[in-house]
C-alpha cells in the first residue's frame, strides 16, 4: 500500500473539492495526438491566483495533487498570468504514451496544488 504525506492528502482533498464544485477546468481539442502535433488547450481559471499559476504536460503515471511533484516531472508548461479563461498551444511529446494536461494555482511548491486535469494519448 502506498503511503501519502499529510500535504499530499490535503492537496488531493482540495483537488477533489474544487472538481466537485464544478470549479476550474482544462480540456483538449482531441484525445489522441501524433508525436509533435499541436495540442489546443482551453481553460477556465481564477484570475486572483498568483501570476505564476500554470498549466503543463505531465506523464499520467505521476501522482496527482501536489504542484511540487508535477513541477519536477513536467514536460512543458505555460503560465496562466491571471487570466480567467483562454487557450494555449502545446506540442505533443515525442514519446508515445499517456499524458495529462494539469492546471496548478501557483508555482510555489510549498503550497501549490493541482486544480484540474485531462488525459490524452500520444500514438
C-alpha atoms as a PDB file:
ATOM      1  CA  UNK A   1       0.000   0.000   0.000  1.00  0.00           C
ATOM      2  CA  UNK A   2       1.337   3.427  -0.962  1.00  0.00           C
ATOM      3  CA  UNK A   3       1.880   5.886   1.892  1.00  0.00           C
ATOM      4  CA  UNK A   4       0.809   9.509   1.495  1.00  0.00           C
ATOM      5  CA  UNK A   5       2.155  12.518   3.343  1.00  0.00           C
ATOM      6  CA  UNK A   6      -0.246  14.835   5.140  1.00  0.00           C
ATOM      7  CA  UNK A   7       0.419  17.510   2.500  1.00  0.00           C
ATOM      8  CA  UNK A   8      -0.371  15.042  -0.301  1.00  0.00           C
ATOM      9  CA  UNK A   9      -3.673  14.155   1.309  1.00  0.00           C
ATOM     10  CA  UNK A  10      -4.594  17.807   1.888  1.00  0.00           C
ATOM     11  CA  UNK A  11      -3.745  18.646  -1.724  1.00  0.00           C
ATOM     12  CA  UNK A  12      -5.726  15.689  -3.036  1.00  0.00           C
ATOM     13  CA  UNK A  13      -8.764  16.610  -0.935  1.00  0.00           C
ATOM     14  CA  UNK A  14      -8.520  20.166  -2.240  1.00  0.00           C
ATOM     15  CA  UNK A  15      -8.458  18.947  -5.842  1.00  0.00           C
ATOM     16  CA  UNK A  16     -11.450  16.686  -5.193  1.00  0.00           C
ATOM     17  CA  UNK A  17     -13.361  19.579  -3.568  1.00  0.00           C
ATOM     18  CA  UNK A  18     -12.676  22.016  -6.412  1.00  0.00           C
ATOM     19  CA  UNK A  19     -13.559  19.408  -9.023  1.00  0.00           C
ATOM     20  CA  UNK A  20     -16.812  18.575  -7.270  1.00  0.00           C
ATOM     21  CA  UNK A  21     -17.727  22.278  -7.127  1.00  0.00           C
ATOM     22  CA  UNK A  22     -17.527  22.467 -10.924  1.00  0.00           C
ATOM     23  CA  UNK A  23     -14.579  24.837 -10.394  1.00  0.00           C
ATOM     24  CA  UNK A  24     -11.864  25.427 -12.916  1.00  0.00           C
ATOM     25  CA  UNK A  25     -11.214  23.327 -15.998  1.00  0.00           C
ATOM     26  CA  UNK A  26      -8.753  22.334 -18.684  1.00  0.00           C
ATOM     27  CA  UNK A  27      -9.754  20.486 -21.845  1.00  0.00           C
ATOM     28  CA  UNK A  28      -8.027  19.415 -25.029  1.00  0.00           C
ATOM     29  CA  UNK A  29      -9.340  19.588 -28.584  1.00  0.00           C
ATOM     30  CA  UNK A  30      -8.746  15.818 -29.060  1.00  0.00           C
ATOM     31  CA  UNK A  31      -7.908  12.738 -27.013  1.00  0.00           C
ATOM     32  CA  UNK A  32      -5.140  11.349 -29.255  1.00  0.00           C
ATOM     33  CA  UNK A  33      -2.191  13.138 -30.889  1.00  0.00           C
ATOM     34  CA  UNK A  34       0.757  12.250 -33.074  1.00  0.00           C
ATOM     35  CA  UNK A  35       4.227  12.996 -31.665  1.00  0.00           C
ATOM     36  CA  UNK A  36       4.969  16.704 -32.130  1.00  0.00           C
ATOM     37  CA  UNK A  37       1.378  17.591 -33.041  1.00  0.00           C
ATOM     38  CA  UNK A  38      -0.139  20.815 -31.656  1.00  0.00           C
ATOM     39  CA  UNK A  39      -2.423  20.336 -28.646  1.00  0.00           C
ATOM     40  CA  UNK A  40      -5.037  23.068 -28.246  1.00  0.00           C
ATOM     41  CA  UNK A  41      -5.946  23.540 -24.571  1.00  0.00           C
ATOM     42  CA  UNK A  42      -8.907  25.581 -23.347  1.00  0.00           C
ATOM     43  CA  UNK A  43      -9.015  26.595 -19.693  1.00  0.00           C
ATOM     44  CA  UNK A  44     -11.023  28.457 -17.096  1.00  0.00           C
ATOM     45  CA  UNK A  45      -9.127  29.709 -14.053  1.00  0.00           C
ATOM     46  CA  UNK A  46      -9.306  32.118 -11.132  1.00  0.00           C
ATOM     47  CA  UNK A  47      -7.774  35.475 -12.166  1.00  0.00           C
ATOM     48  CA  UNK A  48      -6.895  36.027  -8.483  1.00  0.00           C
ATOM     49  CA  UNK A  49      -4.453  33.109  -8.394  1.00  0.00           C
ATOM     50  CA  UNK A  50      -0.790  34.069  -8.263  1.00  0.00           C
ATOM     51  CA  UNK A  51       0.582  35.278 -11.607  1.00  0.00           C
ATOM     52  CA  UNK A  52       2.735  32.133 -11.785  1.00  0.00           C
ATOM     53  CA  UNK A  53      -0.233  29.730 -11.813  1.00  0.00           C
ATOM     54  CA  UNK A  54       0.497  27.289 -14.617  1.00  0.00           C
ATOM     55  CA  UNK A  55      -0.691  24.578 -16.982  1.00  0.00           C
ATOM     56  CA  UNK A  56       1.647  21.822 -18.077  1.00  0.00           C
ATOM     57  CA  UNK A  57       2.064  18.407 -19.641  1.00  0.00           C
ATOM     58  CA  UNK A  58       2.800  15.697 -17.065  1.00  0.00           C
ATOM     59  CA  UNK A  59       3.148  11.927 -17.683  1.00  0.00           C
ATOM     60  CA  UNK A  60      -0.067  10.217 -16.483  1.00  0.00           C
ATOM     61  CA  UNK A  61       1.846   7.837 -14.189  1.00  0.00           C
ATOM     62  CA  UNK A  62       2.839  10.758 -11.903  1.00  0.00           C
ATOM     63  CA  UNK A  63       0.616  11.023  -8.803  1.00  0.00           C
ATOM     64  CA  UNK A  64      -1.995  13.788  -8.909  1.00  0.00           C
ATOM     65  CA  UNK A  65      -2.311  16.553  -6.335  1.00  0.00           C
ATOM     66  CA  UNK A  66       0.917  18.292  -5.400  1.00  0.00           C
ATOM     67  CA  UNK A  67       2.239  21.106  -7.575  1.00  0.00           C
ATOM     68  CA  UNK A  68       5.797  20.323  -6.482  1.00  0.00           C
ATOM     69  CA  UNK A  69       5.576  16.716  -7.748  1.00  0.00           C
ATOM     70  CA  UNK A  70       4.094  17.836 -11.067  1.00  0.00           C
ATOM     71  CA  UNK A  71       6.710  20.580 -11.391  1.00  0.00           C
ATOM     72  CA  UNK A  72       9.536  18.028 -11.032  1.00  0.00           C
ATOM     73  CA  UNK A  73       8.025  15.940 -13.850  1.00  0.00           C
ATOM     74  CA  UNK A  74       6.578  18.445 -16.327  1.00  0.00           C
ATOM     75  CA  UNK A  75       7.494  18.088 -19.985  1.00  0.00           C
ATOM     76  CA  UNK A  76       6.389  21.615 -20.871  1.00  0.00           C
ATOM     77  CA  UNK A  77       4.360  24.360 -19.205  1.00  0.00           C
ATOM     78  CA  UNK A  78       2.913  27.847 -19.633  1.00  0.00           C
ATOM     79  CA  UNK A  79       1.845  30.434 -17.076  1.00  0.00           C
ATOM     80  CA  UNK A  80      -1.833  31.397 -16.842  1.00  0.00           C
ATOM     81  CA  UNK A  81      -0.875  35.014 -15.983  1.00  0.00           C
ATOM     82  CA  UNK A  82      -4.046  35.990 -14.090  1.00  0.00           C
ATOM     83  CA  UNK A  83      -6.414  35.119 -16.954  1.00  0.00           C
ATOM     84  CA  UNK A  84      -9.881  33.769 -16.148  1.00  0.00           C
ATOM     85  CA  UNK A  85     -10.082  31.818 -19.415  1.00  0.00           C
ATOM     86  CA  UNK A  86      -8.191  31.269 -22.600  1.00  0.00           C
ATOM     87  CA  UNK A  87      -6.445  28.865 -24.927  1.00  0.00           C
ATOM     88  CA  UNK A  88      -2.862  27.642 -25.072  1.00  0.00           C
ATOM     89  CA  UNK A  89      -0.979  25.640 -27.671  1.00  0.00           C
ATOM     90  CA  UNK A  90       1.324  22.855 -26.510  1.00  0.00           C
ATOM     91  CA  UNK A  91       3.403  20.427 -28.546  1.00  0.00           C
ATOM     92  CA  UNK A  92       2.673  16.731 -28.002  1.00  0.00           C
ATOM     93  CA  UNK A  93       5.594  14.781 -26.522  1.00  0.00           C
ATOM     94  CA  UNK A  94       7.728  12.763 -28.929  1.00  0.00           C
ATOM     95  CA  UNK A  95       7.411   9.556 -26.870  1.00  0.00           C
ATOM     96  CA  UNK A  96       4.154   7.581 -27.279  1.00  0.00           C
ATOM     97  CA  UNK A  97       2.150   7.128 -24.079  1.00  0.00           C
ATOM     98  CA  UNK A  98      -0.474   8.660 -21.817  1.00  0.00           C
ATOM     99  CA  UNK A  99      -0.073  12.200 -20.527  1.00  0.00           C
ATOM    100  CA  UNK A 100      -2.117  14.786 -18.651  1.00  0.00           C
ATOM    101  CA  UNK A 101      -2.663  18.480 -19.053  1.00  0.00           C
ATOM    102  CA  UNK A 102      -2.668  19.658 -15.411  1.00  0.00           C
ATOM    103  CA  UNK A 103      -3.558  23.114 -14.069  1.00  0.00           C
ATOM    104  CA  UNK A 104      -1.993  24.497 -10.862  1.00  0.00           C
ATOM    105  CA  UNK A 105      -2.921  27.511  -8.737  1.00  0.00           C
ATOM    106  CA  UNK A 106       0.705  28.638  -8.210  1.00  0.00           C
ATOM    107  CA  UNK A 107       4.284  27.674  -8.975  1.00  0.00           C
ATOM    108  CA  UNK A 108       5.072  27.663  -5.250  1.00  0.00           C
ATOM    109  CA  UNK A 109       5.698  24.001  -4.408  1.00  0.00           C
ATOM    110  CA  UNK A 110       5.193  24.561  -0.682  1.00  0.00           C
ATOM    111  CA  UNK A 111       1.533  25.493  -1.072  1.00  0.00           C
ATOM    112  CA  UNK A 112       0.637  24.866  -4.715  1.00  0.00           C
ATOM    113  CA  UNK A 113      -1.922  22.271  -5.722  1.00  0.00           C
ATOM    114  CA  UNK A 114      -3.202  20.718  -8.902  1.00  0.00           C
ATOM    115  CA  UNK A 115      -6.653  22.119  -9.665  1.00  0.00           C
ATOM    116  CA  UNK A 116      -7.806  20.254 -12.771  1.00  0.00           C
ATOM    117  CA  UNK A 117      -6.538  17.772 -15.348  1.00  0.00           C
ATOM    118  CA  UNK A 118      -7.393  15.971 -18.567  1.00  0.00           C
ATOM    119  CA  UNK A 119      -5.679  12.899 -20.041  1.00  0.00           C
ATOM    120  CA  UNK A 120      -4.590  12.448 -23.650  1.00  0.00           C
ATOM    121  CA  UNK A 121      -2.540   9.873 -25.538  1.00  0.00           C
ATOM    122  CA  UNK A 122       0.337  10.167 -27.971  1.00  0.00           C
ATOM    123  CA  UNK A 123       0.358   7.412 -30.620  1.00  0.00           C
END
